[in-house]
Amino acid sequence: MIVTNNPNVAGFDLPALESDDKLNRVLASALRARGINESSEPNQPPLYWQAGYFDLERVSIFQEATNLEQQQILQQLNQALLQESVAIEQAGVGYMAKMVLMAESTQERMLYSLFAADETTHLAQLQPYVSSDMWPSELDDPFFKLLSDIVESADKSVLLFVLQVVLEGWGLTHYRSLAKGCTDGSLRDVFQSFLQAESRHHGAGVTLFNQIEISPSSKDVIVECLAAFLQMVRVGPQRVVGAIATVKGHLSRPQHIQILQQLDTVSHSHQRLQLLKSLMASTGNTIVIQLEEKGLFAPLSAEEAACYG
């Protein structure tokens, strides 16, 4: 795995300036020039995604919970989705800025400068929907930590394949799903507006990756990074289980298994794993073969996945 010292490309460890700092006023002015206005933090964020989005209508322990408990579970899941989106865009700003410096032509540098502006715009558009205590930290979530580690790589082939070919391609489907399931028209439009830019980012990654020769050592790092990510997908909707456990208290192993069965964890993971496999196969058949040999495209059963909760 990638070893780093004092990682900061993802920006998860960067401090936020006080609201009255002069630099914030300059930033606000620059954002207004792009049609993005400042907005105050929400006191109590509404539920942008309802129970059906998370398939909770199938889960008996959720259906039997009180209205307050159901709202608390949904609040946690909504917050997690927003926090994840902010983390992805925040890391994207740093990644695109890094790729500006790694560019091998004037056109490539110009392109990544524009991509960095895309990610900055997306981050600013999400800010009104998240409170300051929801700002991601790389230590909060294994995915954030993996993302932070990957963007520190000095290997361009690793960056292109893992982040732009695979994760940007994955992000397109994810943002489309968030937009479709969102009950708030303004936030739905925000996620919908991301799609064209994210498609360009993914397409550029595929084009650039196909132009370079990948070394055996780079391939090994790519396989290691993607193996870690695929394992996160294989274990199924653990985030939903975790939110239920936080509100309802400790879940027994049989309860954990039942929730995963009711969420149809095998189908849930299978669909996502097949999408990831198709994204990887578009440019990296040998990588897919190596991951397939490790059994990483096979979803875990509810009984197996319950060991990871």
C-alpha atoms as a PDB file:
ATOM      1  CA  MET A   1       0.000   0.000   0.000  1.00  0.00           C
ATOM      2  CA  ILE A   2       1.070   3.620  -0.490  1.00  0.00           C
ATOM      3  CA  VAL A   3       3.092   4.929   2.449  1.00  0.00           C
ATOM      4  CA  THR A   4       3.009   8.667   3.086  1.00  0.00           C
ATOM      5  CA  ASN A   5       4.262  11.213   5.573  1.00  0.00           C
ATOM      6  CA  ASN A   6       2.034  14.117   6.592  1.00  0.00           C
ATOM      7  CA  PRO A   7      -0.561  13.551   3.847  1.00  0.00           C
ATOM      8  CA  ASN A   8      -2.402  16.667   2.751  1.00  0.00           C
ATOM      9  CA  VAL A   9      -3.316  16.347  -0.932  1.00  0.00           C
ATOM     10  CA  ALA A  10      -6.828  15.147  -0.019  1.00  0.00           C
ATOM     11  CA  GLY A  11      -7.119  18.136   2.284  1.00  0.00           C
ATOM     12  CA  PHE A  12      -8.889  16.279   5.094  1.00  0.00           C
ATOM     13  CA  ASP A  13      -6.336  17.619   7.570  1.00  0.00           C
ATOM     14  CA  LEU A  14      -6.503  21.236   6.403  1.00  0.00           C
ATOM     15  CA  PRO A  15      -7.949  23.709   8.935  1.00  0.00           C
ATOM     16  CA  ALA A  16     -10.942  25.876   8.091  1.00  0.00           C
ATOM     17  CA  LEU A  17     -10.510  29.634   8.389  1.00  0.00           C
ATOM     18  CA  GLU A  18     -12.759  31.673  10.645  1.00  0.00           C
ATOM     19  CA  SER A  19     -15.832  32.997   8.837  1.00  0.00           C
ATOM     20  CA  ASP A  20     -14.653  36.610   9.173  1.00  0.00           C
ATOM     21  CA  ASP A  21     -11.207  35.946   7.702  1.00  0.00           C
ATOM     22  CA  LYS A  22     -10.414  38.253   4.769  1.00  0.00           C
ATOM     23  CA  LEU A  23      -9.536  35.304   2.546  1.00  0.00           C
ATOM     24  CA  ASN A  24     -13.072  33.981   2.972  1.00  0.00           C
ATOM     25  CA  ARG A  25     -14.406  37.235   1.514  1.00  0.00           C
ATOM     26  CA  VAL A  26     -12.141  36.863  -1.521  1.00  0.00           C
ATOM     27  CA  LEU A  27     -13.292  33.263  -1.942  1.00  0.00           C
ATOM     28  CA  ALA A  28     -16.952  34.280  -1.626  1.00  0.00           C
ATOM     29  CA  SER A  29     -16.448  36.921  -4.299  1.00  0.00           C
ATOM     30  CA  ALA A  30     -14.783  34.421  -6.647  1.00  0.00           C
ATOM     31  CA  LEU A  31     -17.607  31.929  -6.096  1.00  0.00           C
ATOM     32  CA  ARG A  32     -20.270  34.565  -6.742  1.00  0.00           C
ATOM     33  CA  ALA A  33     -18.558  35.257 -10.061  1.00  0.00           C
ATOM     34  CA  ARG A  34     -19.312  31.614 -10.888  1.00  0.00           C
ATOM     35  CA  GLY A  35     -22.930  31.979  -9.799  1.00  0.00           C
ATOM     36  CA  ILE A  36     -22.481  30.321  -6.392  1.00  0.00           C
ATOM     37  CA  ASN A  37     -23.753  32.301  -3.422  1.00  0.00           C
ATOM     38  CA  GLU A  38     -22.874  31.797   0.222  1.00  0.00           C
ATOM     39  CA  SER A  39     -25.427  30.159   2.450  1.00  0.00           C
ATOM     40  CA  SER A  40     -25.603  29.643   6.196  1.00  0.00           C
ATOM     41  CA  GLU A  41     -25.215  26.215   7.742  1.00  0.00           C
ATOM     42  CA  PRO A  42     -28.455  24.276   8.277  1.00  0.00           C
ATOM     43  CA  ASN A  43     -29.547  24.122  11.917  1.00  0.00           C
ATOM     44  CA  GLN A  44     -31.244  20.772  11.501  1.00  0.00           C
ATOM     45  CA  PRO A  45     -30.699  19.358   8.015  1.00  0.00           C
ATOM     46  CA  PRO A  46     -33.857  17.900   6.484  1.00  0.00           C
ATOM     47  CA  LEU A  47     -34.029  14.317   5.322  1.00  0.00           C
ATOM     48  CA  TYR A  48     -33.029  14.507   1.678  1.00  0.00           C
ATOM     49  CA  TRP A  49     -33.215  10.704   1.241  1.00  0.00           C
ATOM     50  CA  GLN A  50     -36.087   8.785   2.781  1.00  0.00           C
ATOM     51  CA  ALA A  51     -36.348   5.195   4.025  1.00  0.00           C
ATOM     52  CA  GLY A  52     -37.029   3.778   0.571  1.00  0.00           C
ATOM     53  CA  TYR A  53     -33.689   4.993  -0.750  1.00  0.00           C
ATOM     54  CA  PHE A  54     -31.915   2.747   1.770  1.00  0.00           C
ATOM     55  CA  ASP A  55     -34.376  -0.176   1.342  1.00  0.00           C
ATOM     56  CA  LEU A  56     -35.360   0.222   4.992  1.00  0.00           C
ATOM     57  CA  GLU A  57     -38.981  -0.670   4.250  1.00  0.00           C
ATOM     58  CA  ARG A  58     -37.711  -4.273   4.083  1.00  0.00           C
ATOM     59  CA  VAL A  59     -36.044  -4.176   7.504  1.00  0.00           C
ATOM     60  CA  SER A  60     -38.298  -5.309  10.346  1.00  0.00           C
ATOM     61  CA  ILE A  61     -36.267  -3.731  13.169  1.00  0.00           C
ATOM     62  CA  PHE A  62     -36.578  -0.356  11.421  1.00  0.00           C
ATOM     63  CA  GLN A  63     -40.301  -0.766  10.739  1.00  0.00           C
ATOM     64  CA  GLU A  64     -40.875  -1.669  14.398  1.00  0.00           C
ATOM     65  CA  ALA A  65     -38.869   1.318  15.671  1.00  0.00           C
ATOM     66  CA  THR A  66     -40.546   4.454  17.018  1.00  0.00           C
ATOM     67  CA  ASN A  67     -40.967   7.450  14.718  1.00  0.00           C
ATOM     68  CA  LEU A  68     -38.178   9.244  16.582  1.00  0.00           C
ATOM     69  CA  GLU A  69     -35.813   6.292  16.197  1.00  0.00           C
ATOM     70  CA  GLN A  70     -36.603   6.053  12.492  1.00  0.00           C
ATOM     71  CA  GLN A  71     -35.862   9.751  12.066  1.00  0.00           C
ATOM     72  CA  GLN A  72     -32.567   9.377  13.948  1.00  0.00           C
ATOM     73  CA  ILE A  73     -31.497   6.448  11.764  1.00  0.00           C
ATOM     74  CA  LEU A  74     -32.361   8.343   8.592  1.00  0.00           C
ATOM     75  CA  GLN A  75     -30.588  11.459   9.873  1.00  0.00           C
ATOM     76  CA  GLN A  76     -27.382   9.459  10.337  1.00  0.00           C
ATOM     77  CA  LEU A  77     -27.621   7.914   6.892  1.00  0.00           C
ATOM     78  CA  ASN A  78     -28.353  11.270   5.251  1.00  0.00           C
ATOM     79  CA  GLN A  79     -25.383  12.829   7.019  1.00  0.00           C
ATOM     80  CA  ALA A  80     -23.124   9.971   5.912  1.00  0.00           C
ATOM     81  CA  LEU A  81     -24.098  10.446   2.248  1.00  0.00           C
ATOM     82  CA  LEU A  82     -23.441  14.182   2.384  1.00  0.00           C
ATOM     83  CA  GLN A  83     -20.174  13.735   4.268  1.00  0.00           C
ATOM     84  CA  GLU A  84     -19.003  11.169   1.720  1.00  0.00           C
ATOM     85  CA  SER A  85     -19.834  13.507  -1.183  1.00  0.00           C
ATOM     86  CA  VAL A  86     -17.953  16.378   0.464  1.00  0.00           C
ATOM     87  CA  ALA A  87     -14.948  14.121   1.072  1.00  0.00           C
ATOM     88  CA  ILE A  88     -14.875  13.001  -2.560  1.00  0.00           C
ATOM     89  CA  GLU A  89     -15.025  16.550  -3.883  1.00  0.00           C
ATOM     90  CA  GLN A  90     -12.496  17.840  -1.332  1.00  0.00           C
ATOM     91  CA  ALA A  91     -10.042  15.110  -2.296  1.00  0.00           C
ATOM     92  CA  GLY A  92     -10.826  15.860  -5.939  1.00  0.00           C
ATOM     93  CA  VAL A  93      -9.681  19.475  -5.588  1.00  0.00           C
ATOM     94  CA  GLY A  94      -6.295  18.333  -4.283  1.00  0.00           C
ATOM     95  CA  TYR A  95      -5.991  15.532  -6.801  1.00  0.00           C
ATOM     96  CA  MET A  96      -6.699  17.725  -9.810  1.00  0.00           C
ATOM     97  CA  ALA A  97      -4.278  20.371  -8.536  1.00  0.00           C
ATOM     98  CA  LYS A  98      -1.627  17.665  -8.212  1.00  0.00           C
ATOM     99  CA  MET A  99      -2.305  16.461 -11.751  1.00  0.00           C
ATOM    100  CA  VAL A 100      -1.776  20.033 -13.024  1.00  0.00           C
ATOM    101  CA  LEU A 101       1.823  19.726 -11.826  1.00  0.00           C
ATOM    102  CA  MET A 102       2.207  16.216 -13.269  1.00  0.00           C
ATOM    103  CA  ALA A 103       0.895  17.229 -16.703  1.00  0.00           C
ATOM    104  CA  GLU A 104       3.073  16.361 -19.689  1.00  0.00           C
ATOM    105  CA  SER A 105       1.651  18.876 -22.159  1.00  0.00           C
ATOM    106  CA  THR A 106       0.198  22.368 -22.125  1.00  0.00           C
ATOM    107  CA  GLN A 107      -3.215  21.000 -23.034  1.00  0.00           C
ATOM    108  CA  GLU A 108      -3.116  18.447 -20.222  1.00  0.00           C
ATOM    109  CA  ARG A 109      -2.191  21.150 -17.720  1.00  0.00           C
ATOM    110  CA  MET A 110      -5.021  23.365 -18.953  1.00  0.00           C
ATOM    111  CA  LEU A 111      -7.464  20.470 -18.758  1.00  0.00           C
ATOM    112  CA  TYR A 112      -6.582  19.597 -15.169  1.00  0.00           C
ATOM    113  CA  SER A 113      -6.754  23.256 -14.166  1.00  0.00           C
ATOM    114  CA  LEU A 114     -10.329  23.289 -15.442  1.00  0.00           C
ATOM    115  CA  PHE A 115     -11.047  20.007 -13.660  1.00  0.00           C
ATOM    116  CA  ALA A 116      -9.743  21.493 -10.399  1.00  0.00           C
ATOM    117  CA  ALA A 117     -12.184  24.371 -10.860  1.00  0.00           C
ATOM    118  CA  ASP A 118     -14.992  21.821 -11.421  1.00  0.00           C
ATOM    119  CA  GLU A 119     -14.214  20.068  -8.143  1.00  0.00           C
ATOM    120  CA  THR A 120     -13.964  23.381  -6.274  1.00  0.00           C
ATOM    121  CA  THR A 121     -17.335  24.421  -7.663  1.00  0.00           C
ATOM    122  CA  HIS A 122     -18.891  21.105  -6.607  1.00  0.00           C
ATOM    123  CA  LEU A 123     -17.448  21.433  -3.113  1.00  0.00           C
ATOM    124  CA  ALA A 124     -18.823  24.948  -2.767  1.00  0.00           C
ATOM    125  CA  GLN A 125     -22.247  23.825  -4.012  1.00  0.00           C
ATOM    126  CA  LEU A 126     -22.387  21.129  -1.319  1.00  0.00           C
ATOM    127  CA  GLN A 127     -21.290  23.368   1.546  1.00  0.00           C
ATOM    128  CA  PRO A 128     -24.741  24.883   2.238  1.00  0.00           C
ATOM    129  CA  TYR A 129     -26.078  21.389   2.908  1.00  0.00           C
ATOM    130  CA  VAL A 130     -23.512  20.339   5.515  1.00  0.00           C
ATOM    131  CA  SER A 131     -22.786  21.763   8.948  1.00  0.00           C
ATOM    132  CA  SER A 132     -19.206  22.322  10.084  1.00  0.00           C
ATOM    133  CA  ASP A 133     -19.264  19.274  12.364  1.00  0.00           C
ATOM    134  CA  MET A 134     -20.034  17.094   9.338  1.00  0.00           C
ATOM    135  CA  TRP A 135     -16.798  18.059   7.587  1.00  0.00           C
ATOM    136  CA  PRO A 136     -14.938  14.823   6.801  1.00  0.00           C
ATOM    137  CA  SER A 137     -11.812  13.648   8.534  1.00  0.00           C
ATOM    138  CA  GLU A 138      -9.704  10.898   7.005  1.00  0.00           C
ATOM    139  CA  LEU A 139      -9.807   9.050  10.334  1.00  0.00           C
ATOM    140  CA  ASP A 140     -13.601   8.863  10.398  1.00  0.00           C
ATOM    141  CA  ASP A 141     -14.061   6.276   7.698  1.00  0.00           C
ATOM    142  CA  PRO A 142     -11.924   3.563   6.018  1.00  0.00           C
ATOM    143  CA  PHE A 143     -12.912   4.871   2.579  1.00  0.00           C
ATOM    144  CA  PHE A 144     -11.682   8.390   3.423  1.00  0.00           C
ATOM    145  CA  LYS A 145      -8.396   6.905   4.644  1.00  0.00           C
ATOM    146  CA  LEU A 146      -7.982   4.843   1.469  1.00  0.00           C
ATOM    147  CA  LEU A 147      -8.798   7.866  -0.700  1.00  0.00           C
ATOM    148  CA  SER A 148      -6.317  10.005   1.221  1.00  0.00           C
ATOM    149  CA  ASP A 149      -3.577   7.390   0.795  1.00  0.00           C
ATOM    150  CA  ILE A 150      -4.173   6.954  -2.936  1.00  0.00           C
ATOM    151  CA  VAL A 151      -4.018  10.654  -3.834  1.00  0.00           C
ATOM    152  CA  GLU A 152      -0.584  10.853  -2.211  1.00  0.00           C
ATOM    153  CA  SER A 153       0.869   8.449  -4.794  1.00  0.00           C
ATOM    154  CA  ALA A 154       3.592   9.784  -7.077  1.00  0.00           C
ATOM    155  CA  ASP A 155       2.752   7.119  -9.687  1.00  0.00           C
ATOM    156  CA  LYS A 156       0.641   8.673 -12.408  1.00  0.00           C
ATOM    157  CA  SER A 157      -0.635   5.340 -13.715  1.00  0.00           C
ATOM    158  CA  VAL A 158      -1.954   4.455 -10.257  1.00  0.00           C
ATOM    159  CA  LEU A 159      -3.653   7.828  -9.921  1.00  0.00           C
ATOM    160  CA  LEU A 160      -5.231   7.672 -13.366  1.00  0.00           C
ATOM    161  CA  PHE A 161      -6.527   4.130 -13.118  1.00  0.00           C
ATOM    162  CA  VAL A 162      -7.741   4.021  -9.536  1.00  0.00           C
ATOM    163  CA  LEU A 163      -9.105   7.549  -9.226  1.00  0.00           C
ATOM    164  CA  GLN A 164     -10.224   8.560 -12.700  1.00  0.00           C
ATOM    165  CA  VAL A 165     -10.965   5.317 -14.502  1.00  0.00           C
ATOM    166  CA  VAL A 166     -12.523   3.439 -11.583  1.00  0.00           C
ATOM    167  CA  LEU A 167     -13.638   5.846  -8.851  1.00  0.00           C
ATOM    168  CA  GLU A 168     -14.775   8.674 -11.163  1.00  0.00           C
ATOM    169  CA  GLY A 169     -16.689   6.101 -13.209  1.00  0.00           C
ATOM    170  CA  TRP A 170     -18.208   4.725 -10.026  1.00  0.00           C
ATOM    171  CA  GLY A 171     -19.003   8.275  -8.906  1.00  0.00           C
ATOM    172  CA  LEU A 172     -21.072   8.913 -12.022  1.00  0.00           C
ATOM    173  CA  THR A 173     -23.473   6.112 -11.127  1.00  0.00           C
ATOM    174  CA  HIS A 174     -23.433   7.107  -7.451  1.00  0.00           C
ATOM    175  CA  TYR A 175     -24.258  10.769  -8.103  1.00  0.00           C
ATOM    176  CA  ARG A 176     -26.969   9.801 -10.564  1.00  0.00           C
ATOM    177  CA  SER A 177     -28.502   7.609  -7.862  1.00  0.00           C
ATOM    178  CA  LEU A 178     -28.254  10.385  -5.255  1.00  0.00           C
ATOM    179  CA  ALA A 179     -29.959  12.829  -7.616  1.00  0.00           C
ATOM    180  CA  LYS A 180     -32.743  10.407  -8.515  1.00  0.00           C
ATOM    181  CA  GLY A 181     -33.465   9.522  -4.891  1.00  0.00           C
ATOM    182  CA  CYS A 182     -33.199  13.027  -3.433  1.00  0.00           C
ATOM    183  CA  THR A 183     -36.468  14.592  -2.283  1.00  0.00           C
ATOM    184  CA  ASP A 184     -35.111  18.164  -2.255  1.00  0.00           C
ATOM    185  CA  GLY A 185     -35.272  19.824  -5.663  1.00  0.00           C
ATOM    186  CA  SER A 186     -32.323  22.160  -5.111  1.00  0.00           C
ATOM    187  CA  LEU A 187     -29.953  19.448  -3.879  1.00  0.00           C
ATOM    188  CA  ARG A 188     -31.171  17.108  -6.608  1.00  0.00           C
ATOM    189  CA  ASP A 189     -30.204  19.747  -9.170  1.00  0.00           C
ATOM    190  CA  VAL A 190     -26.775  20.102  -7.541  1.00  0.00           C
ATOM    191  CA  PHE A 191     -25.995  16.400  -7.923  1.00  0.00           C
ATOM    192  CA  GLN A 192     -27.449  16.359 -11.433  1.00  0.00           C
ATOM    193  CA  SER A 193     -25.183  19.253 -12.364  1.00  0.00           C
ATOM    194  CA  PHE A 194     -22.102  17.232 -11.357  1.00  0.00           C
ATOM    195  CA  LEU A 195     -22.647  14.542 -13.971  1.00  0.00           C
ATOM    196  CA  GLN A 196     -21.330  16.254 -17.093  1.00  0.00           C
ATOM    197  CA  ALA A 197     -18.091  17.330 -15.405  1.00  0.00           C
ATOM    198  CA  GLU A 198     -17.573  13.949 -13.750  1.00  0.00           C
ATOM    199  CA  SER A 199     -18.077  12.256 -17.129  1.00  0.00           C
ATOM    200  CA  ARG A 200     -15.313  14.435 -18.621  1.00  0.00           C
ATOM    201  CA  HIS A 201     -12.997  13.614 -15.710  1.00  0.00           C
ATOM    202  CA  HIS A 202     -13.592   9.895 -16.188  1.00  0.00           C
ATOM    203  CA  GLY A 203     -13.203  10.072 -19.971  1.00  0.00           C
ATOM    204  CA  ALA A 204      -9.941  12.008 -19.693  1.00  0.00           C
ATOM    205  CA  GLY A 205      -8.615   9.421 -17.246  1.00  0.00           C
ATOM    206  CA  VAL A 206      -9.407   6.577 -19.648  1.00  0.00           C
ATOM    207  CA  THR A 207      -7.765   8.437 -22.555  1.00  0.00           C
ATOM    208  CA  LEU A 208      -4.591   9.296 -20.637  1.00  0.00           C
ATOM    209  CA  PHE A 209      -4.266   5.853 -19.051  1.00  0.00           C
ATOM    210  CA  ASN A 210      -4.473   4.182 -22.452  1.00  0.00           C
ATOM    211  CA  GLN A 211      -1.529   6.311 -23.615  1.00  0.00           C
ATOM    212  CA  ILE A 212       0.917   5.135 -20.971  1.00  0.00           C
ATOM    213  CA  GLU A 213       2.709   1.874 -20.335  1.00  0.00           C
ATOM    214  CA  ILE A 214       2.053   0.465 -16.905  1.00  0.00           C
ATOM    215  CA  SER A 215       4.940  -1.150 -15.018  1.00  0.00           C
ATOM    216  CA  PRO A 216       4.576  -4.407 -13.042  1.00  0.00           C
ATOM    217  CA  SER A 217       5.167  -2.524  -9.772  1.00  0.00           C
ATOM    218  CA  SER A 218       2.446   0.004 -10.640  1.00  0.00           C
ATOM    219  CA  LYS A 219       0.060  -2.804 -11.471  1.00  0.00           C
ATOM    220  CA  ASP A 220       0.740  -4.381  -8.087  1.00  0.00           C
ATOM    221  CA  VAL A 221      -0.112  -1.109  -6.311  1.00  0.00           C
ATOM    222  CA  ILE A 222      -3.293  -0.715  -8.384  1.00  0.00           C
ATOM    223  CA  VAL A 223      -4.385  -4.251  -7.506  1.00  0.00           C
ATOM    224  CA  GLU A 224      -3.668  -3.622  -3.808  1.00  0.00           C
ATOM    225  CA  CYS A 225      -5.647  -0.368  -3.747  1.00  0.00           C
ATOM    226  CA  LEU A 226      -8.594  -1.813  -5.638  1.00  0.00           C
ATOM    227  CA  ALA A 227      -8.590  -4.967  -3.517  1.00  0.00           C
ATOM    228  CA  ALA A 228      -9.088  -2.800  -0.426  1.00  0.00           C
ATOM    229  CA  PHE A 229     -11.922  -0.900  -2.111  1.00  0.00           C
ATOM    230  CA  LEU A 230     -13.638  -4.019  -3.444  1.00  0.00           C
ATOM    231  CA  GLN A 231     -13.574  -5.556   0.028  1.00  0.00           C
ATOM    232  CA  MET A 232     -15.492  -2.518   1.317  1.00  0.00           C
ATOM    233  CA  VAL A 233     -18.128  -3.143  -1.362  1.00  0.00           C
ATOM    234  CA  ARG A 234     -18.283  -6.916  -0.781  1.00  0.00           C
ATOM    235  CA  VAL A 235     -19.416  -6.555   2.829  1.00  0.00           C
ATOM    236  CA  GLY A 236     -22.675  -4.942   1.761  1.00  0.00           C
ATOM    237  CA  PRO A 237     -24.719  -2.106   3.286  1.00  0.00           C
ATOM    238  CA  GLN A 238     -22.901  -2.036   6.637  1.00  0.00           C
ATOM    239  CA  ARG A 239     -23.558   1.694   6.935  1.00  0.00           C
ATOM    240  CA  VAL A 240     -27.279   0.992   7.276  1.00  0.00           C
ATOM    241  CA  VAL A 241     -26.623  -1.679   9.897  1.00  0.00           C
ATOM    242  CA  GLY A 242     -24.330   0.717  11.766  1.00  0.00           C
ATOM    243  CA  ALA A 243     -26.939   3.478  11.835  1.00  0.00           C
ATOM    244  CA  ILE A 244     -29.549   1.077  13.208  1.00  0.00           C
ATOM    245  CA  ALA A 245     -27.121  -0.163  15.863  1.00  0.00           C
ATOM    246  CA  THR A 246     -26.241   3.375  16.929  1.00  0.00           C
ATOM    247  CA  VAL A 247     -29.892   4.225  17.535  1.00  0.00           C
ATOM    248  CA  LYS A 248     -31.251   0.877  18.736  1.00  0.00           C
ATOM    249  CA  GLY A 249     -28.210  -0.245  20.704  1.00  0.00           C
ATOM    250  CA  HIS A 250     -26.057  -3.342  20.342  1.00  0.00           C
ATOM    251  CA  LEU A 251     -27.249  -5.796  17.718  1.00  0.00           C
ATOM    252  CA  SER A 252     -26.784  -9.518  18.232  1.00  0.00           C
ATOM    253  CA  ARG A 253     -25.176 -11.516  15.453  1.00  0.00           C
ATOM    254  CA  PRO A 254     -28.553 -13.044  14.442  1.00  0.00           C
ATOM    255  CA  GLN A 255     -30.037  -9.522  14.253  1.00  0.00           C
ATOM    256  CA  HIS A 256     -27.090  -8.313  12.161  1.00  0.00           C
ATOM    257  CA  ILE A 257     -27.509 -11.248   9.783  1.00  0.00           C
ATOM    258  CA  GLN A 258     -31.273 -10.713   9.558  1.00  0.00           C
ATOM    259  CA  ILE A 259     -30.872  -7.034   8.650  1.00  0.00           C
ATOM    260  CA  LEU A 260     -28.367  -7.889   5.909  1.00  0.00           C
ATOM    261  CA  GLN A 261     -30.645 -10.620   4.589  1.00  0.00           C
ATOM    262  CA  GLN A 262     -33.622  -8.258   4.526  1.00  0.00           C
ATOM    263  CA  LEU A 263     -31.495  -5.687   2.688  1.00  0.00           C
ATOM    264  CA  ASP A 264     -30.580  -8.453   0.191  1.00  0.00           C
ATOM    265  CA  THR A 265     -26.886  -7.816   0.740  1.00  0.00           C
ATOM    266  CA  VAL A 266     -25.792 -10.310  -1.922  1.00  0.00           C
ATOM    267  CA  SER A 267     -27.712  -8.554  -4.724  1.00  0.00           C
ATOM    268  CA  HIS A 268     -26.775  -5.128  -3.317  1.00  0.00           C
ATOM    269  CA  SER A 269     -23.058  -5.940  -3.485  1.00  0.00           C
ATOM    270  CA  HIS A 270     -23.230  -7.974  -6.692  1.00  0.00           C
ATOM    271  CA  GLN A 271     -24.616  -5.051  -8.720  1.00  0.00           C
ATOM    272  CA  ARG A 272     -21.902  -2.706  -7.465  1.00  0.00           C
ATOM    273  CA  LEU A 273     -19.110  -5.219  -7.933  1.00  0.00           C
ATOM    274  CA  GLN A 274     -20.166  -5.896 -11.522  1.00  0.00           C
ATOM    275  CA  LEU A 275     -20.188  -2.153 -12.266  1.00  0.00           C
ATOM    276  CA  LEU A 276     -16.670  -1.825 -10.860  1.00  0.00           C
ATOM    277  CA  LYS A 277     -15.536  -4.859 -12.826  1.00  0.00           C
ATOM    278  CA  SER A 278     -16.824  -3.366 -16.083  1.00  0.00           C
ATOM    279  CA  LEU A 279     -15.057  -0.072 -15.370  1.00  0.00           C
ATOM    280  CA  MET A 280     -11.766  -1.858 -14.720  1.00  0.00           C
ATOM    281  CA  ALA A 281     -12.144  -4.153 -17.722  1.00  0.00           C
ATOM    282  CA  SER A 282     -12.459  -1.189 -20.088  1.00  0.00           C
ATOM    283  CA  THR A 283      -8.708  -0.582 -19.782  1.00  0.00           C
ATOM    284  CA  GLY A 284      -7.223  -3.176 -17.455  1.00  0.00           C
ATOM    285  CA  ASN A 285      -8.145  -6.784 -18.233  1.00  0.00           C
ATOM    286  CA  THR A 286      -5.057  -8.200 -16.519  1.00  0.00           C
ATOM    287  CA  ILE A 287      -5.914  -6.223 -13.391  1.00  0.00           C
ATOM    288  CA  VAL A 288      -9.432  -7.670 -13.440  1.00  0.00           C
ATOM    289  CA  ILE A 289      -8.017 -11.182 -13.776  1.00  0.00           C
ATOM    290  CA  GLN A 290      -5.777 -10.714 -10.743  1.00  0.00           C
ATOM    291  CA  LEU A 291      -8.636  -9.363  -8.645  1.00  0.00           C
ATOM    292  CA  GLU A 292     -10.954 -12.106  -9.870  1.00  0.00           C
ATOM    293  CA  GLU A 293      -8.421 -14.755  -8.862  1.00  0.00           C
ATOM    294  CA  LYS A 294      -8.594 -13.332  -5.332  1.00  0.00           C
ATOM    295  CA  GLY A 295     -12.382 -13.739  -5.352  1.00  0.00           C
ATOM    296  CA  LEU A 296     -12.919 -10.012  -4.906  1.00  0.00           C
ATOM    297  CA  PHE A 297     -15.835  -9.700  -7.323  1.00  0.00           C
ATOM    298  CA  ALA A 298     -17.895 -12.196  -5.333  1.00  0.00           C
ATOM    299  CA  PRO A 299     -20.258 -10.646  -2.752  1.00  0.00           C
ATOM    300  CA  LEU A 300     -20.253 -11.980   0.797  1.00  0.00           C
ATOM    301  CA  SER A 301     -23.264 -13.769   2.185  1.00  0.00           C
ATOM    302  CA  ALA A 302     -25.162 -12.143   5.037  1.00  0.00           C
ATOM    303  CA  GLU A 303     -23.499 -14.573   7.447  1.00  0.00           C
ATOM    304  CA  GLU A 304     -20.022 -13.707   6.137  1.00  0.00           C
ATOM    305  CA  ALA A 305     -20.718  -9.979   5.964  1.00  0.00           C
ATOM    306  CA  ALA A 306     -21.987  -9.926   9.552  1.00  0.00           C
ATOM    307  CA  CYS A 307     -18.414 -10.571  10.701  1.00  0.00           C
ATOM    308  CA  TYR A 308     -17.427  -7.113   9.411  1.00  0.00           C
ATOM    309  CA  GLY A 309     -20.018  -5.031  11.225  1.00  0.00           C
END
